[in-house]
Amino acid sequence: MASLTLSASLTKRPFIINSQFCSSRFQKALAPSYKPTVVNHRLKALPLFCSKLFSWEASSPYTPIEDEDNSIIKQSNIVDSVDTEDFQELSNVQSKETVFEIKSEQTSQHQPLKWPMWLLGPSVLLITGMVPTLWLPLSSVFLGPNVAGLLSLVGLDCIFSMGATLFLLMADSCAKPKGGGINLSSNGSQVPISYRFWNLCASFVGFIGPLLMLFASHKGYFQPKLLSISFLVLLGPYLLLLATQVLTETLTWHWKSPVWLLTPIVYEGYRVLQLMRGLQLGVEIGAPEWIMLSIRGLVSWWVLVFGIQLMRVAWFAGRDVRIQRRS
């Protein structure tokens, strides 16, 4: 009992006795020289416990199991202090993990519906874009540098535009989480300013170049002159689809859609085929040599831009992986 008095006098931090009877015995033994310490359940440290319980008392989960022959308090029976803040943080982490597991289970229920889209989306893009351009004979569509031939070519590109829009909607549906789940790649939806600037500059160069050539032809800088209808047949659908791409990219940036990185690749891949088709049509209508060289220059420009876009996709994918590992 003297050792208990000495340990109580040296202990400045409050302690809790598991048994009310033990608590009264200690108070009688220590009175009147020692005033009982008021126990506050909000305090962090709980250094001492009474390990002997009566038959009507429930055992505490923090009380160690010992033999009946051991004394009331021993060095091996002293329980480590419990930090209530750490316990609350641990419970919060466990609750968050439980919520995340529930949400992941909810999202996994929608996962089987996504698998057909992985094949349906690219198939729609292939059928609407590549098949008409590569396997449809131009002689059955193009009848010369006139309005009917121009409308026929614009119709083919409109079919591709509808297929590309449907493909992007499917990709957006696959990328966004279902059931309000946690989006692990939320940083991927933030479009960098440098990326926007680069895309706008590439589109501006590809758009203003043909217009400058048409203006120079009408001013007499390029000979022979190129008729307006012939220019529209060769580069009119190209300019129209380029404007559609700029509009689509602007909307994906504004809506923060996950497909903002994929949009220019879809349109630029088809643009190369458009310009190759323009080269073939230029031979059929007998276009001047300078316009043929200009179209070849545009093909080289968009192949370069397309390659840079693919490199940027690889860079952004690696950045997202690094962000997820750090988090």
Protein backbone atom coordinates (compact mmCIF):
# COMPACT_ATOMS: atom_id res chain seq x y z
CA MET A 1 0.00 0.00 0.00
CA ALA A 2 2.95 2.30 0.62
CA SER A 3 4.13 1.69 -2.90
CA LEU A 4 0.71 2.64 -4.16
CA THR A 5 0.85 5.86 -2.13
CA LEU A 6 4.27 6.68 -3.51
CA SER A 7 3.19 5.92 -7.09
CA ALA A 8 0.07 8.03 -6.64
CA SER A 9 2.10 10.94 -5.28
CA LEU A 10 4.54 10.75 -8.19
CA THR A 11 1.81 10.38 -10.80
CA LYS A 12 0.53 13.79 -11.81
CA ARG A 13 -1.73 12.52 -14.56
CA PRO A 14 -5.22 11.34 -13.50
CA PHE A 15 -5.95 7.64 -13.41
CA ILE A 16 -9.09 5.53 -13.57
CA ILE A 17 -9.92 2.56 -11.34
CA ASN A 18 -11.92 -0.13 -13.02
CA SER A 19 -13.72 -1.21 -9.82
CA GLN A 20 -15.69 1.13 -7.61
CA PHE A 21 -14.81 -0.92 -4.50
CA CYS A 22 -11.10 -0.71 -5.28
CA SER A 23 -11.48 3.02 -5.74
CA SER A 24 -13.03 3.44 -2.28
CA ARG A 25 -10.30 1.30 -0.69
CA PHE A 26 -7.58 3.43 -2.25
CA GLN A 27 -9.27 6.63 -1.10
CA LYS A 28 -9.51 5.38 2.49
CA ALA A 29 -5.89 4.27 2.47
CA LEU A 30 -4.65 7.54 1.09
CA ALA A 31 -6.87 9.83 3.20
CA PRO A 32 -6.45 12.36 4.70
CA SER A 33 -3.07 13.25 3.24
CA TYR A 34 -4.18 12.64 -0.31
CA LYS A 35 -7.11 14.19 -2.03
CA PRO A 36 -8.89 11.99 -4.56
CA THR A 37 -8.30 12.94 -8.14
CA VAL A 38 -11.30 13.88 -10.24
CA VAL A 39 -11.42 11.67 -13.26
CA ASN A 40 -12.12 13.34 -16.59
CA HIS A 41 -13.10 10.98 -19.40
CA ARG A 42 -11.89 13.49 -21.99
CA LEU A 43 -8.26 13.24 -20.85
CA LYS A 44 -5.88 11.35 -23.04
CA ALA A 45 -3.80 9.21 -20.67
CA LEU A 46 -5.16 6.26 -18.66
CA PRO A 47 -2.00 4.89 -17.07
CA LEU A 48 -3.32 2.65 -14.21
CA PHE A 49 -6.09 0.10 -14.01
CA CYS A 50 -7.23 -2.28 -11.33
CA SER A 51 -6.87 -5.76 -12.71
CA LYS A 52 -8.89 -7.55 -9.98
CA LEU A 53 -12.62 -7.59 -10.72
CA PHE A 54 -15.50 -8.97 -8.74
CA SER A 55 -17.89 -11.56 -10.06
CA TRP A 56 -20.66 -9.06 -10.74
CA GLU A 57 -18.42 -6.68 -12.71
CA ALA A 58 -17.86 -7.00 -16.46
CA SER A 59 -14.28 -7.19 -17.56
CA SER A 60 -12.91 -4.19 -19.45
CA PRO A 61 -11.52 -4.79 -22.95
CA TYR A 62 -8.38 -2.93 -21.90
CA THR A 63 -7.75 -5.09 -18.79
CA PRO A 64 -5.08 -7.77 -19.30
CA ILE A 65 -5.81 -11.38 -18.39
CA GLU A 66 -3.79 -12.68 -15.43
CA ASP A 67 -3.83 -15.50 -12.93
CA GLU A 68 -5.66 -15.25 -9.61
CA ASP A 69 -2.43 -15.65 -7.62
CA ASN A 70 -0.92 -12.42 -8.96
CA SER A 71 -1.11 -9.23 -6.96
CA ILE A 72 -3.49 -6.38 -7.71
CA ILE A 73 -1.05 -4.15 -9.57
CA LYS A 74 2.17 -5.27 -11.19
CA GLN A 75 4.47 -3.86 -13.77
CA SER A 76 3.30 -6.39 -16.37
CA ASN A 77 -0.35 -5.61 -15.67
CA ILE A 78 -0.14 -1.87 -16.27
CA VAL A 79 -2.04 -1.10 -19.46
CA ASP A 80 -0.60 1.37 -21.95
CA SER A 81 -2.23 4.76 -22.14
CA VAL A 82 -4.98 5.15 -24.72
CA ASP A 83 -5.11 8.30 -26.82
CA THR A 84 -8.74 9.23 -27.47
CA GLU A 85 -7.81 11.43 -30.44
CA ASP A 86 -5.95 8.55 -32.08
CA PHE A 87 -8.92 6.32 -31.38
CA GLN A 88 -11.27 8.82 -33.04
CA GLU A 89 -8.96 9.14 -36.05
CA LEU A 90 -8.80 5.36 -36.35
CA SER A 91 -12.59 5.08 -36.19
CA ASN A 92 -12.94 7.83 -38.82
CA VAL A 93 -10.50 6.06 -41.14
CA GLN A 94 -12.36 2.78 -40.68
CA SER A 95 -15.69 4.45 -41.40
CA LYS A 96 -14.26 6.09 -44.54
CA GLU A 97 -12.88 2.75 -45.70
CA THR A 98 -16.29 1.16 -45.11
CA VAL A 99 -18.02 3.88 -47.12
CA PHE A 100 -15.44 3.54 -49.92
CA GLU A 101 -15.95 -0.23 -50.01
CA ILE A 102 -19.71 0.22 -50.20
CA LYS A 103 -19.38 2.77 -53.02
CA SER A 104 -16.92 0.56 -54.87
CA GLU A 105 -19.38 -2.30 -54.61
CA GLN A 106 -22.07 -0.02 -56.03
CA THR A 107 -19.83 1.00 -58.93
CA SER A 108 -18.84 -2.59 -59.60
CA GLN A 109 -22.51 -3.41 -60.15
CA HIS A 110 -22.52 -1.08 -63.15
CA GLN A 111 -19.25 -2.44 -64.52
CA PRO A 112 -20.77 -5.24 -66.68
CA LEU A 113 -22.75 -2.62 -68.62
CA LYS A 114 -19.51 -0.88 -69.57
CA TRP A 115 -17.87 -3.83 -71.26
CA PRO A 116 -20.03 -3.70 -74.44
CA MET A 117 -19.16 -0.01 -74.81
CA TRP A 118 -15.45 -0.83 -75.03
CA LEU A 119 -16.17 -2.58 -78.34
CA LEU A 120 -19.25 -0.68 -79.49
CA GLY A 121 -17.68 2.79 -79.31
CA PRO A 122 -14.58 2.09 -81.46
CA SER A 123 -16.74 0.07 -83.86
CA VAL A 124 -19.06 3.04 -84.39
CA LEU A 125 -16.05 5.29 -84.96
CA LEU A 126 -14.58 2.85 -87.47
CA ILE A 127 -17.81 2.35 -89.42
CA THR A 128 -18.79 6.03 -89.64
CA GLY A 129 -15.33 7.43 -90.29
CA MET A 130 -12.85 5.09 -91.85
CA VAL A 131 -15.02 2.80 -93.97
CA PRO A 132 -16.70 5.54 -96.11
CA THR A 133 -13.42 7.37 -96.62
CA LEU A 134 -11.23 4.37 -97.47
CA TRP A 135 -13.57 1.98 -99.29
CA LEU A 136 -16.25 4.20 -100.85
CA PRO A 137 -15.41 5.04 -104.49
CA LEU A 138 -15.20 8.79 -104.94
CA SER A 139 -16.50 8.54 -108.48
CA SER A 140 -19.90 7.53 -107.10
CA VAL A 141 -20.00 10.56 -104.79
CA PHE A 142 -18.00 13.28 -106.48
CA LEU A 143 -19.18 14.46 -109.88
CA GLY A 144 -16.89 17.44 -110.30
CA PRO A 145 -16.23 20.82 -108.72
CA ASN A 146 -19.87 21.75 -108.18
CA VAL A 147 -22.34 22.20 -105.35
CA ALA A 148 -23.63 18.62 -105.56
CA GLY A 149 -20.14 17.19 -105.13
CA LEU A 150 -19.49 19.56 -102.24
CA LEU A 151 -22.67 18.53 -100.45
CA SER A 152 -21.82 14.87 -100.97
CA LEU A 153 -18.43 15.30 -99.33
CA VAL A 154 -19.91 17.34 -96.47
CA GLY A 155 -22.46 14.56 -95.94
CA LEU A 156 -19.70 11.99 -95.51
CA ASP A 157 -17.99 14.17 -92.94
CA CYS A 158 -21.27 14.77 -91.11
CA ILE A 159 -21.68 10.99 -90.78
CA PHE A 160 -18.23 10.84 -89.20
CA SER A 161 -19.06 13.75 -86.90
CA MET A 162 -22.15 11.95 -85.59
CA GLY A 163 -20.15 8.78 -85.05
CA ALA A 164 -17.39 10.69 -83.26
CA THR A 165 -19.94 12.39 -80.98
CA LEU A 166 -21.52 9.04 -80.12
CA PHE A 167 -18.08 7.58 -79.43
CA LEU A 168 -17.15 10.46 -77.11
CA LEU A 169 -20.44 10.11 -75.22
CA MET A 170 -19.75 6.41 -74.67
CA ALA A 171 -16.22 7.15 -73.51
CA ASP A 172 -17.51 9.81 -71.12
CA SER A 173 -20.06 7.37 -69.71
CA CYS A 174 -17.35 4.76 -69.13
CA ALA A 175 -14.98 7.24 -67.49
CA LYS A 176 -17.36 8.90 -65.04
CA PRO A 177 -18.04 7.04 -61.73
CA LYS A 178 -21.49 5.63 -61.06
CA GLY A 179 -23.57 5.95 -57.91
CA GLY A 180 -21.74 9.01 -56.61
CA GLY A 181 -18.55 7.10 -56.08
CA ILE A 182 -15.18 8.66 -55.47
CA ASN A 183 -13.46 9.78 -58.61
CA LEU A 184 -9.83 8.78 -58.16
CA SER A 185 -8.81 10.63 -61.29
CA SER A 186 -10.45 13.95 -60.51
CA ASN A 187 -7.18 15.71 -61.23
CA GLY A 188 -7.30 14.28 -64.73
CA SER A 189 -10.39 16.39 -65.53
CA GLN A 190 -8.51 19.64 -64.93
CA VAL A 191 -7.28 20.85 -68.31
CA PRO A 192 -3.92 22.67 -68.09
CA ILE A 193 -3.67 26.13 -69.59
CA SER A 194 -0.67 25.13 -71.69
CA TYR A 195 -2.65 22.27 -73.23
CA ARG A 196 -5.50 24.60 -74.19
CA PHE A 197 -3.11 27.13 -75.64
CA TRP A 198 -1.33 24.49 -77.74
CA ASN A 199 -4.56 23.06 -79.15
CA LEU A 200 -5.95 26.47 -80.01
CA CYS A 201 -2.71 27.48 -81.71
CA ALA A 202 -2.60 24.26 -83.75
CA SER A 203 -6.23 24.72 -84.83
CA PHE A 204 -5.63 28.39 -85.67
CA VAL A 205 -2.64 27.57 -87.88
CA GLY A 206 -4.59 24.80 -89.62
CA PHE A 207 -7.55 27.13 -90.16
CA ILE A 208 -5.87 30.36 -91.21
CA GLY A 209 -3.40 28.70 -93.62
CA PRO A 210 -5.94 27.69 -96.31
CA LEU A 211 -7.73 31.05 -96.04
CA LEU A 212 -4.46 32.91 -96.62
CA MET A 213 -3.79 30.76 -99.68
CA LEU A 214 -7.25 31.53 -101.08
CA PHE A 215 -6.73 35.25 -100.46
CA ALA A 216 -3.30 35.14 -102.15
CA SER A 217 -4.81 33.33 -105.14
CA HIS A 218 -7.47 35.99 -105.61
CA LYS A 219 -4.84 38.73 -105.34
CA GLY A 220 -2.80 37.09 -108.09
CA TYR A 221 0.17 36.01 -105.98
CA PHE A 222 -0.39 32.36 -106.96
CA GLN A 223 -0.88 31.40 -110.59
CA PRO A 224 -3.02 29.96 -112.00
CA LYS A 225 -5.97 31.13 -109.94
CA LEU A 226 -8.13 28.64 -108.11
CA LEU A 227 -11.91 28.90 -108.37
CA SER A 228 -13.87 29.29 -105.15
CA ILE A 229 -15.97 26.18 -105.78
CA SER A 230 -12.84 24.12 -106.41
CA PHE A 231 -11.32 25.45 -103.18
CA LEU A 232 -14.49 24.55 -101.25
CA VAL A 233 -14.51 21.04 -102.72
CA LEU A 234 -10.88 20.46 -101.74
CA LEU A 235 -10.76 22.20 -98.34
CA GLY A 236 -14.35 23.13 -97.44
CA PRO A 237 -15.16 19.91 -95.49
CA TYR A 238 -11.74 20.16 -93.84
CA LEU A 239 -12.50 23.67 -92.52
CA LEU A 240 -15.99 22.67 -91.40
CA LEU A 241 -14.76 19.67 -89.41
CA LEU A 242 -11.95 21.74 -87.89
CA ALA A 243 -14.52 24.23 -86.58
CA THR A 244 -16.54 21.30 -85.19
CA GLN A 245 -13.44 20.02 -83.38
CA VAL A 246 -12.76 23.39 -81.77
CA LEU A 247 -16.37 23.59 -80.57
CA THR A 248 -16.28 20.05 -79.18
CA GLU A 249 -12.99 20.64 -77.37
CA THR A 250 -14.30 23.88 -75.84
CA LEU A 251 -17.39 22.08 -74.52
CA THR A 252 -15.36 19.25 -73.00
CA TRP A 253 -13.11 21.81 -71.28
CA HIS A 254 -16.12 23.69 -69.96
CA TRP A 255 -17.91 20.57 -68.71
CA LYS A 256 -14.65 19.07 -67.37
CA SER A 257 -15.36 15.84 -69.20
CA PRO A 258 -12.79 13.03 -68.87
CA VAL A 259 -12.63 12.75 -72.69
CA TRP A 260 -10.92 16.14 -73.18
CA LEU A 261 -7.61 14.38 -73.86
CA LEU A 262 -9.14 12.02 -76.40
CA THR A 263 -11.17 14.51 -78.45
CA PRO A 264 -8.36 16.00 -80.61
CA ILE A 265 -6.96 12.54 -81.41
CA VAL A 266 -10.30 11.36 -82.81
CA TYR A 267 -10.71 14.38 -85.09
CA GLU A 268 -7.07 14.73 -86.12
CA GLY A 269 -6.84 11.11 -87.19
CA TYR A 270 -9.76 11.61 -89.54
CA ARG A 271 -8.38 14.96 -90.71
CA VAL A 272 -5.36 13.27 -92.20
CA LEU A 273 -7.70 11.05 -94.22
CA GLN A 274 -9.65 14.15 -95.28
CA LEU A 275 -6.54 15.81 -96.66
CA MET A 276 -5.44 12.64 -98.42
CA ARG A 277 -8.86 12.55 -100.04
CA GLY A 278 -8.33 16.18 -101.07
CA LEU A 279 -5.11 15.20 -102.81
CA GLN A 280 -6.94 12.53 -104.76
CA LEU A 281 -9.70 14.95 -105.72
CA GLY A 282 -7.14 17.57 -106.74
CA VAL A 283 -5.70 15.18 -109.30
CA GLU A 284 -9.17 14.46 -110.72
CA ILE A 285 -10.18 18.13 -111.12
CA GLY A 286 -6.74 19.26 -112.32
CA ALA A 287 -5.97 21.58 -109.40
CA PRO A 288 -2.92 23.88 -109.62
CA GLU A 289 0.40 22.66 -108.34
CA TRP A 290 0.60 25.22 -105.55
CA ILE A 291 -2.66 24.06 -103.96
CA MET A 292 -1.45 20.45 -104.09
CA LEU A 293 1.76 21.46 -102.33
CA SER A 294 -0.29 23.37 -99.77
CA ILE A 295 -2.44 20.32 -99.02
CA ARG A 296 0.68 18.19 -98.62
CA GLY A 297 2.00 20.80 -96.18
CA LEU A 298 -1.25 20.58 -94.21
CA VAL A 299 -0.96 16.79 -94.12
CA SER A 300 2.57 17.07 -92.72
CA TRP A 301 1.43 19.64 -90.14
CA TRP A 302 -1.43 17.54 -88.81
CA VAL A 303 0.67 14.38 -88.71
CA LEU A 304 3.12 16.31 -86.53
CA VAL A 305 0.32 17.61 -84.30
CA PHE A 306 -1.19 14.13 -84.09
CA GLY A 307 2.12 12.68 -82.94
CA ILE A 308 2.50 15.38 -80.30
CA GLN A 309 -1.01 14.65 -79.04
CA LEU A 310 -0.16 10.98 -78.64
CA MET A 311 2.96 11.90 -76.68
CA ARG A 312 0.90 14.16 -74.43
CA VAL A 313 -1.56 11.35 -73.76
CA ALA A 314 1.33 9.17 -72.54
CA TRP A 315 2.62 12.03 -70.37
CA PHE A 316 -0.77 12.76 -68.76
CA ALA A 317 -1.35 9.06 -68.11
CA GLY A 318 1.99 8.84 -66.31
CA ARG A 319 1.17 11.97 -64.33
CA ASP A 320 -2.14 10.50 -63.12
CA VAL A 321 -0.36 7.34 -62.00
CA ARG A 322 2.15 9.41 -60.01
CA ILE A 323 -0.65 11.40 -58.38
CA GLN A 324 -2.51 8.25 -57.36
CA ARG A 325 0.63 6.73 -55.86
CA ARG A 326 1.32 9.86 -53.80
CA SER A 327 -2.25 10.00 -52.56
